[in-house]
Amino acid sequence: MGCNDFHALLHRYVDDELLPHERREADAHIESCADCRRLVEEETAWRRSIRDAATYYNAPDDLRRRIADLPREQAPARLATPWRGLAMAASLLLAVALSSGVTAYVVAPSPAEPIVQEVVANHVRSLMADHLTDVASSDQHTVKPWFHGRLDYAPPVDDTTAKGFPLVGGRLDYVDHRPVAALVYHHAKHPINLFVFPSDEPDGIARPIERNGFNILHWTEGGMTYWAVSDLNTAELQDFAKLIRQQG
């Protein structure tokens, strides 16, 4: 098993969801690979910190009573997939809300949500592990060649220092089941992770997204998709995205 193979299994490895033969191969790999062993340690630490900081809410007594009073034949049988379970739970909550005279909205998850979660997790991990860059340089002609031989594509690297968003380096990361370029910029001491990788999506920019206190912007241009993540406010992050798009 190589590093790329292990990266594809990382989340399942940490969640202890691998098949026995996959687990044996993964264990053997990280015993001999310090970089992948460090990834496991960082992922485990990040998940622990999120779990410890999570807020939990108990269901109101009235909701508990309403669910308990439902006829047994309405209770769902064992569901085949998590999505069916989520759909049943949403339907149940919607029914309870409507019976109480409350307007309820159920929003389905976006197809891009898994990538949103990945880029935010990678951003947080890079800050927690003090591993923003593999190559630290403000020179785009140093950062861009560093990726040669490490990726199967050449990421565009722009220098926006004159506009207040200096390039500070880059690193390899992993998004959407593949190694990707993470370019790192700063603005007023706030780090920005810009993940860049090939895409066949049409050119366009998506609305800003907020997750866990971080702002995210996503756009596609020239056969590349971009995900910018930072704790900058939305307006500043949009200014950064505009500069990168103008450079392209």
C-alpha atoms as a PDB file:
ATOM      1  CA  MET A   1       0.000   0.000   0.000  1.00  0.00           C
ATOM      2  CA  GLY A   2       1.349   3.419  -1.004  1.00  0.00           C
ATOM      3  CA  CYS A   3       0.680   6.819   0.523  1.00  0.00           C
ATOM      4  CA  ASN A   4      -2.041   7.746  -1.994  1.00  0.00           C
ATOM      5  CA  ASP A   5      -3.827   4.462  -1.316  1.00  0.00           C
ATOM      6  CA  PHE A   6      -3.677   5.113   2.415  1.00  0.00           C
ATOM      7  CA  HIS A   7      -4.942   8.695   2.014  1.00  0.00           C
ATOM      8  CA  ALA A   8      -8.055   7.330   0.304  1.00  0.00           C
ATOM      9  CA  LEU A   9      -8.708   5.114   3.340  1.00  0.00           C
ATOM     10  CA  LEU A  10      -7.729   7.635   6.031  1.00  0.00           C
ATOM     11  CA  HIS A  11     -11.213   8.561   7.259  1.00  0.00           C
ATOM     12  CA  ARG A  12     -12.386   4.935   7.316  1.00  0.00           C
ATOM     13  CA  TYR A  13      -9.167   3.967   9.114  1.00  0.00           C
ATOM     14  CA  VAL A  14      -9.703   6.515  11.883  1.00  0.00           C
ATOM     15  CA  ASP A  15     -13.371   5.482  12.159  1.00  0.00           C
ATOM     16  CA  ASP A  16     -12.323   1.797  12.382  1.00  0.00           C
ATOM     17  CA  GLU A  17     -14.465   0.925   9.346  1.00  0.00           C
ATOM     18  CA  LEU A  18     -11.896  -0.956   7.248  1.00  0.00           C
ATOM     19  CA  LEU A  19     -12.238  -4.582   6.305  1.00  0.00           C
ATOM     20  CA  PRO A  20      -9.773  -6.859   8.139  1.00  0.00           C
ATOM     21  CA  HIS A  21      -7.380  -7.183   5.182  1.00  0.00           C
ATOM     22  CA  GLU A  22      -7.512  -3.419   4.542  1.00  0.00           C
ATOM     23  CA  ARG A  23      -6.761  -2.748   8.211  1.00  0.00           C
ATOM     24  CA  ARG A  24      -3.735  -5.062   8.148  1.00  0.00           C
ATOM     25  CA  GLU A  25      -2.326  -3.371   5.032  1.00  0.00           C
ATOM     26  CA  ALA A  26      -2.985   0.113   6.453  1.00  0.00           C
ATOM     27  CA  ASP A  27      -1.352  -0.769   9.794  1.00  0.00           C
ATOM     28  CA  ALA A  28       1.693  -2.119   7.989  1.00  0.00           C
ATOM     29  CA  HIS A  29       1.942   1.043   5.915  1.00  0.00           C
ATOM     30  CA  ILE A  30       1.812   3.547   8.767  1.00  0.00           C
ATOM     31  CA  GLU A  31       4.386   1.550  10.730  1.00  0.00           C
ATOM     32  CA  SER A  32       6.886   2.378   7.975  1.00  0.00           C
ATOM     33  CA  CYS A  33       5.585   5.830   6.927  1.00  0.00           C
ATOM     34  CA  ALA A  34       6.028   8.705   9.365  1.00  0.00           C
ATOM     35  CA  ASP A  35       4.050  11.146   7.185  1.00  0.00           C
ATOM     36  CA  CYS A  36       0.933   8.966   7.089  1.00  0.00           C
ATOM     37  CA  ARG A  37       1.301   8.160  10.777  1.00  0.00           C
ATOM     38  CA  ARG A  38       1.301  11.910  11.445  1.00  0.00           C
ATOM     39  CA  LEU A  39      -1.867  12.282   9.339  1.00  0.00           C
ATOM     40  CA  VAL A  40      -3.606   9.695  11.503  1.00  0.00           C
ATOM     41  CA  GLU A  41      -2.525  11.489  14.671  1.00  0.00           C
ATOM     42  CA  GLU A  42      -3.715  14.862  13.330  1.00  0.00           C
ATOM     43  CA  GLU A  43      -7.057  13.465  12.149  1.00  0.00           C
ATOM     44  CA  THR A  44      -7.634  11.743  15.483  1.00  0.00           C
ATOM     45  CA  ALA A  45      -6.742  14.903  17.436  1.00  0.00           C
ATOM     46  CA  TRP A  46      -8.979  17.055  15.245  1.00  0.00           C
ATOM     47  CA  ARG A  47     -11.965  14.747  15.660  1.00  0.00           C
ATOM     48  CA  ARG A  48     -11.416  14.592  19.413  1.00  0.00           C
ATOM     49  CA  SER A  49     -11.339  18.388  19.659  1.00  0.00           C
ATOM     50  CA  ILE A  50     -14.558  18.722  17.643  1.00  0.00           C
ATOM     51  CA  ARG A  51     -16.269  16.067  19.765  1.00  0.00           C
ATOM     52  CA  ASP A  52     -15.166  17.677  23.023  1.00  0.00           C
ATOM     53  CA  ALA A  53     -16.364  21.105  21.885  1.00  0.00           C
ATOM     54  CA  ALA A  54     -19.695  19.910  20.498  1.00  0.00           C
ATOM     55  CA  THR A  55     -22.956  21.117  21.973  1.00  0.00           C
ATOM     56  CA  TYR A  56     -25.656  18.541  22.609  1.00  0.00           C
ATOM     57  CA  TYR A  57     -29.354  19.219  23.039  1.00  0.00           C
ATOM     58  CA  ASN A  58     -31.988  16.994  24.578  1.00  0.00           C
ATOM     59  CA  ALA A  59     -35.313  16.662  22.784  1.00  0.00           C
ATOM     60  CA  PRO A  60     -38.133  18.597  24.484  1.00  0.00           C
ATOM     61  CA  ASP A  61     -40.437  16.472  26.652  1.00  0.00           C
ATOM     62  CA  ASP A  62     -43.405  17.344  24.415  1.00  0.00           C
ATOM     63  CA  LEU A  63     -41.597  15.987  21.339  1.00  0.00           C
ATOM     64  CA  ARG A  64     -40.621  12.827  23.230  1.00  0.00           C
ATOM     65  CA  ARG A  65     -44.263  12.257  24.210  1.00  0.00           C
ATOM     66  CA  ARG A  66     -45.520  12.777  20.659  1.00  0.00           C
ATOM     67  CA  ILE A  67     -43.030  10.238  19.299  1.00  0.00           C
ATOM     68  CA  ALA A  68     -43.808   7.758  22.083  1.00  0.00           C
ATOM     69  CA  ASP A  69     -47.554   8.067  21.348  1.00  0.00           C
ATOM     70  CA  LEU A  70     -47.168   7.187  17.668  1.00  0.00           C
ATOM     71  CA  PRO A  71     -48.785   3.837  16.767  1.00  0.00           C
ATOM     72  CA  ARG A  72     -46.200   1.065  16.626  1.00  0.00           C
ATOM     73  CA  GLU A  73     -47.024   0.278  13.001  1.00  0.00           C
ATOM     74  CA  GLN A  74     -45.811   3.750  12.044  1.00  0.00           C
ATOM     75  CA  ALA A  75     -42.357   3.100  13.471  1.00  0.00           C
ATOM     76  CA  PRO A  76     -39.875   2.463  10.630  1.00  0.00           C
ATOM     77  CA  ALA A  77     -38.331  -0.944  10.188  1.00  0.00           C
ATOM     78  CA  ARG A  78     -34.555  -1.252  10.049  1.00  0.00           C
ATOM     79  CA  LEU A  79     -33.537   1.017   7.199  1.00  0.00           C
ATOM     80  CA  ALA A  80     -31.151  -0.019   4.478  1.00  0.00           C
ATOM     81  CA  THR A  81     -29.242   3.272   4.159  1.00  0.00           C
ATOM     82  CA  PRO A  82     -28.470   6.328   6.307  1.00  0.00           C
ATOM     83  CA  TRP A  83     -30.236   8.602   3.794  1.00  0.00           C
ATOM     84  CA  ARG A  84     -33.513   6.733   4.287  1.00  0.00           C
ATOM     85  CA  GLY A  85     -33.096   7.160   8.017  1.00  0.00           C
ATOM     86  CA  LEU A  86     -32.542  10.884   7.625  1.00  0.00           C
ATOM     87  CA  ALA A  87     -35.584  11.153   5.381  1.00  0.00           C
ATOM     88  CA  MET A  88     -37.774   9.338   7.912  1.00  0.00           C
ATOM     89  CA  ALA A  89     -36.506  11.525  10.752  1.00  0.00           C
ATOM     90  CA  ALA A  90     -37.141  14.683   8.719  1.00  0.00           C
ATOM     91  CA  SER A  91     -40.660  13.508   7.863  1.00  0.00           C
ATOM     92  CA  LEU A  92     -41.409  12.760  11.524  1.00  0.00           C
ATOM     93  CA  LEU A  93     -40.179  16.142  12.731  1.00  0.00           C
ATOM     94  CA  LEU A  94     -42.091  17.870   9.938  1.00  0.00           C
ATOM     95  CA  ALA A  95     -45.305  16.110  10.923  1.00  0.00           C
ATOM     96  CA  VAL A  96     -44.870  17.061  14.567  1.00  0.00           C
ATOM     97  CA  ALA A  97     -44.105  20.669  13.665  1.00  0.00           C
ATOM     98  CA  LEU A  98     -47.118  21.000  11.386  1.00  0.00           C
ATOM     99  CA  SER A  99     -49.428  19.463  13.973  1.00  0.00           C
ATOM    100  CA  SER A 100     -48.216  22.132  16.391  1.00  0.00           C
ATOM    101  CA  GLY A 101     -48.965  24.924  13.958  1.00  0.00           C
ATOM    102  CA  VAL A 102     -45.271  25.653  13.331  1.00  0.00           C
ATOM    103  CA  THR A 103     -43.924  26.412   9.866  1.00  0.00           C
ATOM    104  CA  ALA A 104     -41.070  24.013   9.115  1.00  0.00           C
ATOM    105  CA  TYR A 105     -38.478  23.907   6.366  1.00  0.00           C
ATOM    106  CA  VAL A 106     -36.452  20.819   5.481  1.00  0.00           C
ATOM    107  CA  VAL A 107     -33.332  21.516   3.445  1.00  0.00           C
ATOM    108  CA  ALA A 108     -31.646  18.624   1.651  1.00  0.00           C
ATOM    109  CA  PRO A 109     -27.835  18.511   1.862  1.00  0.00           C
ATOM    110  CA  SER A 110     -25.962  19.936  -1.119  1.00  0.00           C
ATOM    111  CA  PRO A 111     -24.067  17.419  -3.298  1.00  0.00           C
ATOM    112  CA  ALA A 112     -20.950  19.513  -2.559  1.00  0.00           C
ATOM    113  CA  GLU A 113     -21.377  19.241   1.215  1.00  0.00           C
ATOM    114  CA  PRO A 114     -18.814  16.420   1.633  1.00  0.00           C
ATOM    115  CA  ILE A 115     -16.171  18.604  -0.057  1.00  0.00           C
ATOM    116  CA  VAL A 116     -17.194  21.583   2.084  1.00  0.00           C
ATOM    117  CA  GLN A 117     -16.575  19.459   5.165  1.00  0.00           C
ATOM    118  CA  GLU A 118     -13.245  18.209   3.797  1.00  0.00           C
ATOM    119  CA  VAL A 119     -11.821  21.642   2.987  1.00  0.00           C
ATOM    120  CA  VAL A 120     -12.862  23.034   6.373  1.00  0.00           C
ATOM    121  CA  ALA A 121     -11.353  20.009   8.136  1.00  0.00           C
ATOM    122  CA  ASN A 122      -8.123  20.396   6.150  1.00  0.00           C
ATOM    123  CA  HIS A 123      -7.985  24.113   6.979  1.00  0.00           C
ATOM    124  CA  VAL A 124      -8.478  23.454  10.694  1.00  0.00           C
ATOM    125  CA  ARG A 125      -5.950  20.616  10.666  1.00  0.00           C
ATOM    126  CA  SER A 126      -3.320  22.807   9.018  1.00  0.00           C
ATOM    127  CA  LEU A 127      -3.740  25.371  11.799  1.00  0.00           C
ATOM    128  CA  MET A 128      -3.808  22.856  14.662  1.00  0.00           C
ATOM    129  CA  ALA A 129      -0.739  20.971  13.474  1.00  0.00           C
ATOM    130  CA  ASP A 130       1.142  24.156  12.550  1.00  0.00           C
ATOM    131  CA  HIS A 131       1.519  22.682   9.074  1.00  0.00           C
ATOM    132  CA  LEU A 132       0.338  25.401   6.734  1.00  0.00           C
ATOM    133  CA  THR A 133       3.091  24.855   4.194  1.00  0.00           C
ATOM    134  CA  ASP A 134       5.361  22.174   2.788  1.00  0.00           C
ATOM    135  CA  VAL A 135       7.144  24.828   0.744  1.00  0.00           C
ATOM    136  CA  ALA A 136       7.346  28.243   2.404  1.00  0.00           C
ATOM    137  CA  SER A 137       7.921  31.040  -0.106  1.00  0.00           C
ATOM    138  CA  SER A 138       6.313  34.255  -1.302  1.00  0.00           C
ATOM    139  CA  ASP A 139       7.726  33.631  -4.797  1.00  0.00           C
ATOM    140  CA  GLN A 140       5.188  32.037  -7.127  1.00  0.00           C
ATOM    141  CA  HIS A 141       8.086  30.813  -9.294  1.00  0.00           C
ATOM    142  CA  THR A 142       9.315  28.792  -6.320  1.00  0.00           C
ATOM    143  CA  VAL A 143       5.932  27.473  -5.160  1.00  0.00           C
ATOM    144  CA  LYS A 144       4.554  26.424  -8.560  1.00  0.00           C
ATOM    145  CA  PRO A 145       7.545  24.232  -9.592  1.00  0.00           C
ATOM    146  CA  TRP A 146       7.509  22.553  -6.162  1.00  0.00           C
ATOM    147  CA  PHE A 147       4.317  20.733  -7.159  1.00  0.00           C
ATOM    148  CA  HIS A 148       5.914  19.250 -10.281  1.00  0.00           C
ATOM    149  CA  GLY A 149       6.186  15.489  -9.853  1.00  0.00           C
ATOM    150  CA  ARG A 150       3.991  15.594  -6.756  1.00  0.00           C
ATOM    151  CA  LEU A 151       0.699  16.140  -8.606  1.00  0.00           C
ATOM    152  CA  ASP A 152      -0.570  15.019 -11.992  1.00  0.00           C
ATOM    153  CA  TYR A 153      -1.503  18.614 -12.891  1.00  0.00           C
ATOM    154  CA  ALA A 154       0.094  22.064 -12.651  1.00  0.00           C
ATOM    155  CA  PRO A 155      -1.875  24.324 -10.290  1.00  0.00           C
ATOM    156  CA  PRO A 156      -1.974  28.032 -11.150  1.00  0.00           C
ATOM    157  CA  VAL A 157      -0.094  29.998  -8.493  1.00  0.00           C
ATOM    158  CA  ASP A 158      -0.678  33.749  -8.305  1.00  0.00           C
ATOM    159  CA  ASP A 159       1.142  36.435  -6.345  1.00  0.00           C
ATOM    160  CA  THR A 160      -1.330  38.956  -4.925  1.00  0.00           C
ATOM    161  CA  THR A 161       1.071  40.559  -2.452  1.00  0.00           C
ATOM    162  CA  ALA A 162       0.630  44.033  -3.946  1.00  0.00           C
ATOM    163  CA  LYS A 163      -3.099  43.804  -3.272  1.00  0.00           C
ATOM    164  CA  GLY A 164      -2.706  42.893   0.410  1.00  0.00           C
ATOM    165  CA  PHE A 165      -2.950  39.094   0.106  1.00  0.00           C
ATOM    166  CA  PRO A 166       0.648  37.830   0.122  1.00  0.00           C
ATOM    167  CA  LEU A 167       1.446  34.292  -0.923  1.00  0.00           C
ATOM    168  CA  VAL A 168       3.248  32.440   1.879  1.00  0.00           C
ATOM    169  CA  GLY A 169       3.650  28.962   0.367  1.00  0.00           C
ATOM    170  CA  GLY A 170       1.907  25.740  -0.507  1.00  0.00           C
ATOM    171  CA  ARG A 171       1.501  22.121   0.503  1.00  0.00           C
ATOM    172  CA  LEU A 172      -0.005  18.842  -0.617  1.00  0.00           C
ATOM    173  CA  ASP A 173      -3.428  18.005   0.762  1.00  0.00           C
ATOM    174  CA  TYR A 174      -6.232  15.570   0.013  1.00  0.00           C
ATOM    175  CA  VAL A 175      -9.738  16.527  -1.200  1.00  0.00           C
ATOM    176  CA  ASP A 176     -12.436  14.589  -3.029  1.00  0.00           C
ATOM    177  CA  HIS A 177     -10.429  11.332  -3.025  1.00  0.00           C
ATOM    178  CA  ARG A 178      -7.317  12.802  -4.641  1.00  0.00           C
ATOM    179  CA  PRO A 179      -4.095  14.687  -3.774  1.00  0.00           C
ATOM    180  CA  VAL A 180      -4.531  18.414  -4.406  1.00  0.00           C
ATOM    181  CA  ALA A 181      -2.584  21.664  -4.193  1.00  0.00           C
ATOM    182  CA  ALA A 182      -3.242  23.839  -1.155  1.00  0.00           C
ATOM    183  CA  LEU A 183      -1.942  27.377  -1.708  1.00  0.00           C
ATOM    184  CA  VAL A 184      -1.586  29.501   1.402  1.00  0.00           C
ATOM    185  CA  TYR A 185      -2.113  33.254   1.545  1.00  0.00           C
ATOM    186  CA  HIS A 186      -2.345  35.754   4.394  1.00  0.00           C
ATOM    187  CA  HIS A 187      -4.390  38.887   4.922  1.00  0.00           C
ATOM    188  CA  ALA A 188      -3.966  40.926   8.114  1.00  0.00           C
ATOM    189  CA  LYS A 189      -2.462  37.842   9.814  1.00  0.00           C
ATOM    190  CA  HIS A 190      -5.445  35.673   8.804  1.00  0.00           C
ATOM    191  CA  PRO A 191      -4.413  32.549   6.842  1.00  0.00           C
ATOM    192  CA  ILE A 192      -6.304  31.576   3.708  1.00  0.00           C
ATOM    193  CA  ASN A 193      -6.179  28.037   2.344  1.00  0.00           C
ATOM    194  CA  LEU A 194      -6.894  27.915  -1.383  1.00  0.00           C
ATOM    195  CA  PHE A 195      -7.441  24.347  -2.622  1.00  0.00           C
ATOM    196  CA  VAL A 196      -7.016  23.989  -6.400  1.00  0.00           C
ATOM    197  CA  PHE A 197      -7.603  20.913  -8.539  1.00  0.00           C
ATOM    198  CA  PRO A 198      -8.949  20.007 -12.012  1.00  0.00           C
ATOM    199  CA  SER A 199     -12.680  19.973 -12.663  1.00  0.00           C
ATOM    200  CA  ASP A 200     -14.992  19.503 -15.627  1.00  0.00           C
ATOM    201  CA  GLU A 201     -17.641  21.768 -14.081  1.00  0.00           C
ATOM    202  CA  PRO A 202     -18.689  24.863 -16.070  1.00  0.00           C
ATOM    203  CA  ASP A 203     -17.128  28.166 -15.061  1.00  0.00           C
ATOM    204  CA  GLY A 204     -18.950  29.959 -12.278  1.00  0.00           C
ATOM    205  CA  ILE A 205     -18.844  31.089  -8.675  1.00  0.00           C
ATOM    206  CA  ALA A 206     -21.035  29.753  -5.884  1.00  0.00           C
ATOM    207  CA  ARG A 207     -22.595  31.725  -3.068  1.00  0.00           C
ATOM    208  CA  PRO A 208     -20.515  32.104   0.102  1.00  0.00           C
ATOM    209  CA  ILE A 209     -20.802  29.299   2.659  1.00  0.00           C
ATOM    210  CA  GLU A 210     -20.189  29.419   6.413  1.00  0.00           C
ATOM    211  CA  ARG A 211     -19.222  26.386   8.477  1.00  0.00           C
ATOM    212  CA  ASN A 212     -18.000  26.269  12.071  1.00  0.00           C
ATOM    213  CA  GLY A 213     -17.044  29.941  12.052  1.00  0.00           C
ATOM    214  CA  PHE A 214     -15.107  29.757   8.764  1.00  0.00           C
ATOM    215  CA  ASN A 215     -16.129  31.327   5.454  1.00  0.00           C
ATOM    216  CA  ILE A 216     -15.802  29.362   2.223  1.00  0.00           C
ATOM    217  CA  LEU A 217     -15.927  30.463  -1.407  1.00  0.00           C
ATOM    218  CA  HIS A 218     -16.046  28.027  -4.301  1.00  0.00           C
ATOM    219  CA  TRP A 219     -15.638  28.764  -7.976  1.00  0.00           C
ATOM    220  CA  THR A 220     -14.597  27.002 -11.178  1.00  0.00           C
ATOM    221  CA  GLU A 221     -12.606  28.596 -13.953  1.00  0.00           C
ATOM    222  CA  GLY A 222     -10.423  27.396 -16.814  1.00  0.00           C
ATOM    223  CA  GLY A 223     -10.818  23.718 -15.985  1.00  0.00           C
ATOM    224  CA  MET A 224      -9.833  24.199 -12.342  1.00  0.00           C
ATOM    225  CA  THR A 225     -12.025  24.284  -9.260  1.00  0.00           C
ATOM    226  CA  TYR A 226     -11.088  26.528  -6.333  1.00  0.00           C
ATOM    227  CA  TRP A 227     -12.093  26.338  -2.660  1.00  0.00           C
ATOM    228  CA  ALA A 228     -10.984  29.270  -0.476  1.00  0.00           C
ATOM    229  CA  VAL A 229     -11.339  28.845   3.308  1.00  0.00           C
ATOM    230  CA  SER A 230     -10.535  31.389   6.016  1.00  0.00           C
ATOM    231  CA  ASP A 231     -11.805  33.097   9.138  1.00  0.00           C
ATOM    232  CA  LEU A 232     -11.801  36.359   7.167  1.00  0.00           C
ATOM    233  CA  ASN A 233     -15.196  37.993   6.806  1.00  0.00           C
ATOM    234  CA  THR A 234     -17.129  37.245   3.627  1.00  0.00           C
ATOM    235  CA  ALA A 235     -16.393  40.596   1.969  1.00  0.00           C
ATOM    236  CA  GLU A 236     -12.624  40.217   2.412  1.00  0.00           C
ATOM    237  CA  LEU A 237     -12.686  36.633   1.167  1.00  0.00           C
ATOM    238  CA  GLN A 238     -14.676  37.752  -1.883  1.00  0.00           C
ATOM    239  CA  ASP A 239     -12.036  40.427  -2.541  1.00  0.00           C
ATOM    240  CA  PHE A 240      -9.388  37.704  -2.437  1.00  0.00           C
ATOM    241  CA  ALA A 241     -11.358  35.468  -4.822  1.00  0.00           C
ATOM    242  CA  LYS A 242     -11.834  38.378  -7.216  1.00  0.00           C
ATOM    243  CA  LEU A 243      -8.069  38.990  -7.286  1.00  0.00           C
ATOM    244  CA  ILE A 244      -7.324  35.322  -8.007  1.00  0.00           C
ATOM    245  CA  ARG A 245      -9.924  35.233 -10.778  1.00  0.00           C
ATOM    246  CA  GLN A 246      -8.509  38.409 -12.320  1.00  0.00           C
ATOM    247  CA  GLN A 247      -5.037  36.856 -12.315  1.00  0.00           C
ATOM    248  CA  GLY A 248      -6.395  33.874 -14.228  1.00  0.00           C
END
